[in-house]
Amino acid sequence: MFVEVPEDGKKLAKGDDAAVVESVKAASDVYSPVSGTVVEGNAALADDPALVNSDPEGEGWFYKITLSDPSELEALMNESAYEAFVAKL
């Protein structure tokens, strides 16, 4: 129903609330997996929030960020580790 993305220039620390996804039944926060400064929020989500589900790896992205600590990337899962994690849920 609604997606709120961070404004350009917003500074985020790893774990900060970065975006909000609101559906008919609930609202959920999206947390930043890394620290940095937002360079662009996806304005297309304001008009078509369903992109988050229909094209999450394409047009459904939330924001772009310039990293302040690139070493934080080392703690993130790769695609196969994430798929295995989700399969266990």
PDB file of N, CA and C in Angstrom:
ATOM      1  N   MET A   1       0.807  -1.187   0.000  1.00  0.00           N
ATOM      2  CA  MET A   1       0.000   0.000   0.000  1.00  0.00           C
ATOM      3  C   MET A   1       0.859   1.264   0.000  1.00  0.00           C
ATOM      4  N   PHE A   2       1.993   1.235   0.768  1.00  0.00           N
ATOM      5  CA  PHE A   2       2.795   2.439   0.914  1.00  0.00           C
ATOM      6  C   PHE A   2       4.234   2.063   1.263  1.00  0.00           C
ATOM      7  N   VAL A   3       5.194   2.756   0.643  1.00  0.00           N
ATOM      8  CA  VAL A   3       6.608   2.582   0.978  1.00  0.00           C
ATOM      9  C   VAL A   3       7.210   3.963   1.178  1.00  0.00           C
ATOM     10  N   GLU A   4       7.900   4.142   2.296  1.00  0.00           N
ATOM     11  CA  GLU A   4       8.601   5.390   2.572  1.00  0.00           C
ATOM     12  C   GLU A   4      10.099   5.110   2.551  1.00  0.00           C
ATOM     13  N   VAL A   5      10.813   5.770   1.653  1.00  0.00           N
ATOM     14  CA  VAL A   5      12.258   5.579   1.540  1.00  0.00           C
ATOM     15  C   VAL A   5      12.986   6.758   2.175  1.00  0.00           C
ATOM     16  N   PRO A   6      14.254   6.593   2.533  1.00  0.00           N
ATOM     17  CA  PRO A   6      14.986   7.695   3.161  1.00  0.00           C
ATOM     18  C   PRO A   6      15.284   8.815   2.161  1.00  0.00           C
ATOM     19  N   GLU A   7      15.445  10.021   2.701  1.00  0.00           N
ATOM     20  CA  GLU A   7      15.771  11.179   1.870  1.00  0.00           C
ATOM     21  C   GLU A   7      17.236  11.156   1.478  1.00  0.00           C
ATOM     22  N   ASP A   8      17.534  11.738   0.314  1.00  0.00           N
ATOM     23  CA  ASP A   8      18.913  11.883  -0.128  1.00  0.00           C
ATOM     24  C   ASP A   8      19.692  12.654   0.931  1.00  0.00           C
ATOM     25  N   GLY A   9      20.898  12.203   1.212  1.00  0.00           N
ATOM     26  CA  GLY A   9      21.747  12.867   2.186  1.00  0.00           C
ATOM     27  C   GLY A   9      21.599  12.358   3.606  1.00  0.00           C
ATOM     28  N   LYS A  10      20.597  11.524   3.863  1.00  0.00           N
ATOM     29  CA  LYS A  10      20.406  10.998   5.221  1.00  0.00           C
ATOM     30  C   LYS A  10      21.559  10.060   5.565  1.00  0.00           C
ATOM     31  N   LYS A  11      22.112  10.234   6.738  1.00  0.00           N
ATOM     32  CA  LYS A  11      23.173   9.362   7.220  1.00  0.00           C
ATOM     33  C   LYS A  11      22.555   8.220   8.007  1.00  0.00           C
ATOM     34  N   LEU A  12      22.971   7.013   7.694  1.00  0.00           N
ATOM     35  CA  LEU A  12      22.469   5.817   8.355  1.00  0.00           C
ATOM     36  C   LEU A  12      23.620   5.048   8.985  1.00  0.00           C
ATOM     37  N   ALA A  13      23.400   4.537  10.170  1.00  0.00           N
ATOM     38  CA  ALA A  13      24.326   3.603  10.793  1.00  0.00           C
ATOM     39  C   ALA A  13      23.765   2.196  10.587  1.00  0.00           C
ATOM     40  N   LYS A  14      24.638   1.223  10.558  1.00  0.00           N
ATOM     41  CA  LYS A  14      24.207  -0.165  10.425  1.00  0.00           C
ATOM     42  C   LYS A  14      23.145  -0.457  11.477  1.00  0.00           C
ATOM     43  N   GLY A  15      21.984  -0.969  11.048  1.00  0.00           N
ATOM     44  CA  GLY A  15      20.894  -1.309  11.952  1.00  0.00           C
ATOM     45  C   GLY A  15      19.856  -0.218  12.139  1.00  0.00           C
ATOM     46  N   ASP A  16      20.122   0.994  11.628  1.00  0.00           N
ATOM     47  CA  ASP A  16      19.135   2.084  11.728  1.00  0.00           C
ATOM     48  C   ASP A  16      17.888   1.791  10.905  1.00  0.00           C
ATOM     49  N   ASP A  17      16.749   2.352  11.330  1.00  0.00           N
ATOM     50  CA  ASP A  17      15.545   2.320  10.499  1.00  0.00           C
ATOM     51  C   ASP A  17      15.845   3.121   9.252  1.00  0.00           C
ATOM     52  N   ALA A  18      15.684   2.501   8.085  1.00  0.00           N
ATOM     53  CA  ALA A  18      16.008   3.182   6.835  1.00  0.00           C
ATOM     54  C   ALA A  18      14.765   3.468   5.998  1.00  0.00           C
ATOM     55  N   ALA A  19      13.786   2.585   6.043  1.00  0.00           N
ATOM     56  CA  ALA A  19      12.579   2.723   5.231  1.00  0.00           C
ATOM     57  C   ALA A  19      11.415   2.074   5.970  1.00  0.00           C
ATOM     58  N   VAL A  20      10.205   2.333   5.474  1.00  0.00           N
ATOM     59  CA  VAL A  20       8.993   1.750   6.059  1.00  0.00           C
ATOM     60  C   VAL A  20       8.150   1.166   4.932  1.00  0.00           C
ATOM     61  N   VAL A  21       7.663  -0.045   5.148  1.00  0.00           N
ATOM     62  CA  VAL A  21       6.747  -0.695   4.212  1.00  0.00           C
ATOM     63  C   VAL A  21       5.438  -0.899   4.952  1.00  0.00           C
ATOM     64  N   GLU A  22       4.364  -0.365   4.397  1.00  0.00           N
ATOM     65  CA  GLU A  22       3.054  -0.471   5.035  1.00  0.00           C
ATOM     66  C   GLU A  22       2.127  -1.251   4.114  1.00  0.00           C
ATOM     67  N   SER A  23       1.484  -2.264   4.687  1.00  0.00           N
ATOM     68  CA  SER A  23       0.504  -3.050   3.933  1.00  0.00           C
ATOM     69  C   SER A  23      -0.854  -2.873   4.589  1.00  0.00           C
ATOM     70  N   VAL A  24      -1.835  -3.604   4.097  1.00  0.00           N
ATOM     71  CA  VAL A  24      -3.174  -3.529   4.658  1.00  0.00           C
ATOM     72  C   VAL A  24      -3.169  -3.986   6.114  1.00  0.00           C
ATOM     73  N   LYS A  25      -2.346  -4.987   6.427  1.00  0.00           N
ATOM     74  CA  LYS A  25      -2.370  -5.596   7.750  1.00  0.00           C
ATOM     75  C   LYS A  25      -1.292  -5.097   8.707  1.00  0.00           C
ATOM     76  N   ALA A  26      -0.193  -4.535   8.192  1.00  0.00           N
ATOM     77  CA  ALA A  26       0.914  -4.182   9.092  1.00  0.00           C
ATOM     78  C   ALA A  26       1.842  -3.156   8.470  1.00  0.00           C
ATOM     79  N   ALA A  27       2.664  -2.573   9.328  1.00  0.00           N
ATOM     80  CA  ALA A  27       3.745  -1.694   8.880  1.00  0.00           C
ATOM     81  C   ALA A  27       5.049  -2.313   9.378  1.00  0.00           C
ATOM     82  N   SER A  28       6.063  -2.312   8.537  1.00  0.00           N
ATOM     83  CA  SER A  28       7.346  -2.910   8.897  1.00  0.00           C
ATOM     84  C   SER A  28       8.477  -1.950   8.586  1.00  0.00           C
ATOM     85  N   ASP A  29       9.443  -1.907   9.489  1.00  0.00           N
ATOM     86  CA  ASP A  29      10.638  -1.116   9.244  1.00  0.00           C
ATOM     87  C   ASP A  29      11.626  -1.925   8.415  1.00  0.00           C
ATOM     88  N   VAL A  30      12.386  -1.234   7.600  1.00  0.00           N
ATOM     89  CA  VAL A  30      13.490  -1.823   6.849  1.00  0.00           C
ATOM     90  C   VAL A  30      14.752  -1.244   7.461  1.00  0.00           C
ATOM     91  N   TYR A  31      15.645  -2.107   7.923  1.00  0.00           N
ATOM     92  CA  TYR A  31      16.849  -1.673   8.607  1.00  0.00           C
ATOM     93  C   TYR A  31      18.035  -1.650   7.652  1.00  0.00           C
ATOM     94  N   SER A  32      18.892  -0.680   7.832  1.00  0.00           N
ATOM     95  CA  SER A  32      20.073  -0.562   6.988  1.00  0.00           C
ATOM     96  C   SER A  32      21.081  -1.657   7.334  1.00  0.00           C
ATOM     97  N   PRO A  33      21.518  -2.430   6.349  1.00  0.00           N
ATOM     98  CA  PRO A  33      22.492  -3.488   6.629  1.00  0.00           C
ATOM     99  C   PRO A  33      23.917  -2.953   6.767  1.00  0.00           C
ATOM    100  N   VAL A  34      24.133  -1.703   6.370  1.00  0.00           N
ATOM    101  CA  VAL A  34      25.459  -1.080   6.410  1.00  0.00           C
ATOM    102  C   VAL A  34      25.326   0.398   6.770  1.00  0.00           C
ATOM    103  N   SER A  35      26.433   1.021   7.105  1.00  0.00           N
ATOM    104  CA  SER A  35      26.467   2.448   7.437  1.00  0.00           C
ATOM    105  C   SER A  35      26.860   3.262   6.215  1.00  0.00           C
ATOM    106  N   GLY A  36      26.315   4.472   6.128  1.00  0.00           N
ATOM    107  CA  GLY A  36      26.686   5.350   5.035  1.00  0.00           C
ATOM    108  C   GLY A  36      25.700   6.483   4.851  1.00  0.00           C
ATOM    109  N   THR A  37      25.793   7.138   3.690  1.00  0.00           N
ATOM    110  CA  THR A  37      24.936   8.268   3.362  1.00  0.00           C
ATOM    111  C   THR A  37      24.080   7.913   2.151  1.00  0.00           C
ATOM    112  N   VAL A  38      22.781   8.139   2.275  1.00  0.00           N
ATOM    113  CA  VAL A  38      21.850   7.852   1.182  1.00  0.00           C
ATOM    114  C   VAL A  38      22.117   8.817   0.033  1.00  0.00           C
ATOM    115  N   VAL A  39      22.326   8.282  -1.167  1.00  0.00           N
ATOM    116  CA  VAL A  39      22.522   9.124  -2.341  1.00  0.00           C
ATOM    117  C   VAL A  39      21.260   9.204  -3.196  1.00  0.00           C
ATOM    118  N   GLU A  40      20.364   8.214  -3.012  1.00  0.00           N
ATOM    119  CA  GLU A  40      19.111   8.235  -3.776  1.00  0.00           C
ATOM    120  C   GLU A  40      18.101   7.277  -3.173  1.00  0.00           C
ATOM    121  N   GLY A  41      16.892   7.774  -2.939  1.00  0.00           N
ATOM    122  CA  GLY A  41      15.772   6.921  -2.561  1.00  0.00           C
ATOM    123  C   GLY A  41      14.980   6.611  -3.824  1.00  0.00           C
ATOM    124  N   ASN A  42      14.364   5.458  -3.888  1.00  0.00           N
ATOM    125  CA  ASN A  42      13.624   5.049  -5.081  1.00  0.00           C
ATOM    126  C   ASN A  42      12.244   5.710  -5.103  1.00  0.00           C
ATOM    127  N   ALA A  43      12.138   6.820  -5.809  1.00  0.00           N
ATOM    128  CA  ALA A  43      10.884   7.575  -5.902  1.00  0.00           C
ATOM    129  C   ALA A  43       9.773   6.772  -6.576  1.00  0.00           C
ATOM    130  N   ALA A  44      10.127   5.789  -7.387  1.00  0.00           N
ATOM    131  CA  ALA A  44       9.121   4.978  -8.080  1.00  0.00           C
ATOM    132  C   ALA A  44       8.241   4.200  -7.107  1.00  0.00           C
ATOM    133  N   LEU A  45       8.747   3.923  -5.913  1.00  0.00           N
ATOM    134  CA  LEU A  45       7.962   3.161  -4.936  1.00  0.00           C
ATOM    135  C   LEU A  45       6.779   3.951  -4.398  1.00  0.00           C
ATOM    136  N   ALA A  46       6.841   5.270  -4.470  1.00  0.00           N
ATOM    137  CA  ALA A  46       5.700   6.085  -4.025  1.00  0.00           C
ATOM    138  C   ALA A  46       4.485   5.840  -4.915  1.00  0.00           C
ATOM    139  N   ASP A  47       4.712   5.660  -6.208  1.00  0.00           N
ATOM    140  CA  ASP A  47       3.627   5.430  -7.159  1.00  0.00           C
ATOM    141  C   ASP A  47       3.265   3.956  -7.298  1.00  0.00           C
ATOM    142  N   ASP A  48       4.248   3.082  -7.084  1.00  0.00           N
ATOM    143  CA  ASP A  48       4.018   1.649  -7.269  1.00  0.00           C
ATOM    144  C   ASP A  48       4.751   0.846  -6.193  1.00  0.00           C
ATOM    145  N   PRO A  49       4.239   0.864  -4.950  1.00  0.00           N
ATOM    146  CA  PRO A  49       4.919   0.149  -3.866  1.00  0.00           C
ATOM    147  C   PRO A  49       4.993  -1.358  -4.078  1.00  0.00           C
ATOM    148  N   ALA A  50       4.150  -1.903  -4.951  1.00  0.00           N
ATOM    149  CA  ALA A  50       4.166  -3.345  -5.219  1.00  0.00           C
ATOM    150  C   ALA A  50       5.465  -3.796  -5.877  1.00  0.00           C
ATOM    151  N   LEU A  51       6.262  -2.850  -6.398  1.00  0.00           N
ATOM    152  CA  LEU A  51       7.546  -3.208  -6.996  1.00  0.00           C
ATOM    153  C   LEU A  51       8.460  -3.919  -6.000  1.00  0.00           C
ATOM    154  N   VAL A  52       8.295  -3.617  -4.715  1.00  0.00           N
ATOM    155  CA  VAL A  52       9.106  -4.260  -3.678  1.00  0.00           C
ATOM    156  C   VAL A  52       8.939  -5.778  -3.752  1.00  0.00           C
ATOM    157  N   ASN A  53       7.735  -6.239  -4.032  1.00  0.00           N
ATOM    158  CA  ASN A  53       7.475  -7.680  -4.131  1.00  0.00           C
ATOM    159  C   ASN A  53       7.609  -8.215  -5.548  1.00  0.00           C
ATOM    160  N   SER A  54       7.162  -7.448  -6.536  1.00  0.00           N
ATOM    161  CA  SER A  54       7.145  -7.960  -7.905  1.00  0.00           C
ATOM    162  C   SER A  54       8.507  -7.907  -8.591  1.00  0.00           C
ATOM    163  N   ASP A  55       9.388  -6.988  -8.175  1.00  0.00           N
ATOM    164  CA  ASP A  55      10.694  -6.855  -8.821  1.00  0.00           C
ATOM    165  C   ASP A  55      11.756  -6.406  -7.812  1.00  0.00           C
ATOM    166  N   PRO A  56      11.952  -7.184  -6.723  1.00  0.00           N
ATOM    167  CA  PRO A  56      12.849  -6.745  -5.650  1.00  0.00           C
ATOM    168  C   PRO A  56      14.309  -6.604  -6.071  1.00  0.00           C
ATOM    169  N   GLU A  57      14.730  -7.346  -7.061  1.00  0.00           N
ATOM    170  CA  GLU A  57      16.126  -7.269  -7.495  1.00  0.00           C
ATOM    171  C   GLU A  57      16.291  -6.361  -8.720  1.00  0.00           C
ATOM    172  N   GLY A  58      15.204  -5.718  -9.128  1.00  0.00           N
ATOM    173  CA  GLY A  58      15.243  -4.816 -10.272  1.00  0.00           C
ATOM    174  C   GLY A  58      14.754  -3.444  -9.869  1.00  0.00           C
ATOM    175  N   GLU A  59      13.536  -3.109 -10.273  1.00  0.00           N
ATOM    176  CA  GLU A  59      12.975  -1.782 -10.024  1.00  0.00           C
ATOM    177  C   GLU A  59      12.457  -1.582  -8.593  1.00  0.00           C
ATOM    178  N   GLY A  60      12.454  -2.624  -7.764  1.00  0.00           N
ATOM    179  CA  GLY A  60      11.908  -2.529  -6.417  1.00  0.00           C
ATOM    180  C   GLY A  60      12.921  -2.205  -5.330  1.00  0.00           C
ATOM    181  N   TRP A  61      14.059  -1.677  -5.699  1.00  0.00           N
ATOM    182  CA  TRP A  61      15.081  -1.325  -4.695  1.00  0.00           C
ATOM    183  C   TRP A  61      14.600  -0.160  -3.830  1.00  0.00           C
ATOM    184  N   PHE A  62      15.124  -0.046  -2.601  1.00  0.00           N
ATOM    185  CA  PHE A  62      14.711   0.994  -1.662  1.00  0.00           C
ATOM    186  C   PHE A  62      15.561   2.259  -1.775  1.00  0.00           C
ATOM    187  N   TYR A  63      16.880   2.104  -1.684  1.00  0.00           N
ATOM    188  CA  TYR A  63      17.755   3.273  -1.705  1.00  0.00           C
ATOM    189  C   TYR A  63      19.171   2.858  -2.088  1.00  0.00           C
ATOM    190  N   LYS A  64      19.934   3.834  -2.529  1.00  0.00           N
ATOM    191  CA  LYS A  64      21.354   3.645  -2.825  1.00  0.00           C
ATOM    192  C   LYS A  64      22.139   4.396  -1.766  1.00  0.00           C
ATOM    193  N   ILE A  65      23.253   3.829  -1.366  1.00  0.00           N
ATOM    194  CA  ILE A  65      24.019   4.386  -0.244  1.00  0.00           C
ATOM    195  C   ILE A  65      25.511   4.390  -0.570  1.00  0.00           C
ATOM    196  N   THR A  66      26.195   5.436  -0.139  1.00  0.00           N
ATOM    197  CA  THR A  66      27.645   5.484  -0.188  1.00  0.00           C
ATOM    198  C   THR A  66      28.138   4.951   1.149  1.00  0.00           C
ATOM    199  N   LEU A  67      28.934   3.911   1.115  1.00  0.00           N
ATOM    200  CA  LEU A  67      29.391   3.259   2.339  1.00  0.00           C
ATOM    201  C   LEU A  67      30.365   4.137   3.118  1.00  0.00           C
ATOM    202  N   SER A  68      30.192   4.156   4.431  1.00  0.00           N
ATOM    203  CA  SER A  68      31.168   4.840   5.277  1.00  0.00           C
ATOM    204  C   SER A  68      32.169   3.839   5.854  1.00  0.00           C
ATOM    205  N   ASP A  69      31.803   2.550   5.868  1.00  0.00           N
ATOM    206  CA  ASP A  69      32.693   1.505   6.369  1.00  0.00           C
ATOM    207  C   ASP A  69      32.533   0.255   5.495  1.00  0.00           C
ATOM    208  N   PRO A  70      33.263   0.193   4.372  1.00  0.00           N
ATOM    209  CA  PRO A  70      33.121  -0.942   3.454  1.00  0.00           C
ATOM    210  C   PRO A  70      33.365  -2.306   4.096  1.00  0.00           C
ATOM    211  N   SER A  71      34.065  -2.365   5.206  1.00  0.00           N
ATOM    212  CA  SER A  71      34.323  -3.653   5.850  1.00  0.00           C
ATOM    213  C   SER A  71      33.028  -4.293   6.375  1.00  0.00           C
ATOM    214  N   GLU A  72      31.963  -3.489   6.558  1.00  0.00           N
ATOM    215  CA  GLU A  72      30.684  -4.045   7.012  1.00  0.00           C
ATOM    216  C   GLU A  72      30.100  -5.027   5.996  1.00  0.00           C
ATOM    217  N   LEU A  73      30.491  -4.909   4.746  1.00  0.00           N
ATOM    218  CA  LEU A  73      29.989  -5.817   3.716  1.00  0.00           C
ATOM    219  C   LEU A  73      30.403  -7.259   3.978  1.00  0.00           C
ATOM    220  N   GLU A  74      31.532  -7.436   4.644  1.00  0.00           N
ATOM    221  CA  GLU A  74      32.042  -8.780   4.914  1.00  0.00           C
ATOM    222  C   GLU A  74      31.110  -9.587   5.805  1.00  0.00           C
ATOM    223  N   ALA A  75      30.293  -8.923   6.612  1.00  0.00           N
ATOM    224  CA  ALA A  75      29.383  -9.622   7.519  1.00  0.00           C
ATOM    225  C   ALA A  75      28.053  -9.995   6.858  1.00  0.00           C
ATOM    226  N   LEU A  76      27.816  -9.531   5.630  1.00  0.00           N
ATOM    227  CA  LEU A  76      26.546  -9.816   4.950  1.00  0.00           C
ATOM    228  C   LEU A  76      26.569 -11.186   4.292  1.00  0.00           C
ATOM    229  N   MET A  77      25.405 -11.789   4.146  1.00  0.00           N
ATOM    230  CA  MET A  77      25.279 -13.072   3.461  1.00  0.00           C
ATOM    231  C   MET A  77      25.352 -12.874   1.952  1.00  0.00           C
ATOM    232  N   ASN A  78      25.891 -13.883   1.256  1.00  0.00           N
ATOM    233  CA  ASN A  78      25.801 -13.870  -0.208  1.00  0.00           C
ATOM    234  C   ASN A  78      24.451 -14.484  -0.588  1.00  0.00           C
ATOM    235  N   GLU A  79      24.155 -14.517  -1.863  1.00  0.00           N
ATOM    236  CA  GLU A  79      22.831 -14.968  -2.312  1.00  0.00           C
ATOM    237  C   GLU A  79      22.518 -16.398  -1.883  1.00  0.00           C
ATOM    238  N   SER A  80      23.466 -17.312  -2.018  1.00  0.00           N
ATOM    239  CA  SER A  80      23.181 -18.709  -1.656  1.00  0.00           C
ATOM    240  C   SER A  80      23.002 -18.864  -0.144  1.00  0.00           C
ATOM    241  N   ALA A  81      23.769 -18.157   0.656  1.00  0.00           N
ATOM    242  CA  ALA A  81      23.597 -18.218   2.115  1.00  0.00           C
ATOM    243  C   ALA A  81      22.244 -17.644   2.514  1.00  0.00           C
ATOM    244  N   TYR A  82      21.820 -16.574   1.850  1.00  0.00           N
ATOM    245  CA  TYR A  82      20.517 -15.987   2.150  1.00  0.00           C
ATOM    246  C   TYR A  82      19.383 -16.944   1.768  1.00  0.00           C
ATOM    247  N   GLU A  83      19.488 -17.569   0.610  1.00  0.00           N
ATOM    248  CA  GLU A  83      18.459 -18.528   0.189  1.00  0.00           C
ATOM    249  C   GLU A  83      18.357 -19.678   1.193  1.00  0.00           C
ATOM    250  N   ALA A  84      19.496 -20.173   1.689  1.00  0.00           N
ATOM    251  CA  ALA A  84      19.487 -21.258   2.680  1.00  0.00           C
ATOM    252  C   ALA A  84      18.855 -20.775   3.984  1.00  0.00           C
ATOM    253  N   PHE A  85      19.153 -19.543   4.387  1.00  0.00           N
ATOM    254  CA  PHE A  85      18.570 -18.968   5.602  1.00  0.00           C
ATOM    255  C   PHE A  85      17.051 -18.870   5.483  1.00  0.00           C
ATOM    256  N   VAL A  86      16.574 -18.346   4.361  1.00  0.00           N
ATOM    257  CA  VAL A  86      15.136 -18.182   4.148  1.00  0.00           C
ATOM    258  C   VAL A  86      14.425 -19.528   4.080  1.00  0.00           C
ATOM    259  N   ALA A  87      15.076 -20.519   3.499  1.00  0.00           N
ATOM    260  CA  ALA A  87      14.473 -21.855   3.393  1.00  0.00           C
ATOM    261  C   ALA A  87      14.215 -22.466   4.768  1.00  0.00           C
ATOM    262  N   LYS A  88      14.983 -22.060   5.770  1.00  0.00           N
ATOM    263  CA  LYS A  88      14.812 -22.601   7.113  1.00  0.00           C
ATOM    264  C   LYS A  88      13.713 -21.894   7.917  1.00  0.00           C
ATOM    265  N   LEU A  89      13.213 -20.780   7.414  1.00  0.00           N
ATOM    266  CA  LEU A  89      12.196 -20.019   8.148  1.00  0.00           C
ATOM    267  C   LEU A  89      10.841 -20.699   8.107  1.00  0.00           C
TER     268      LEU A  89
END
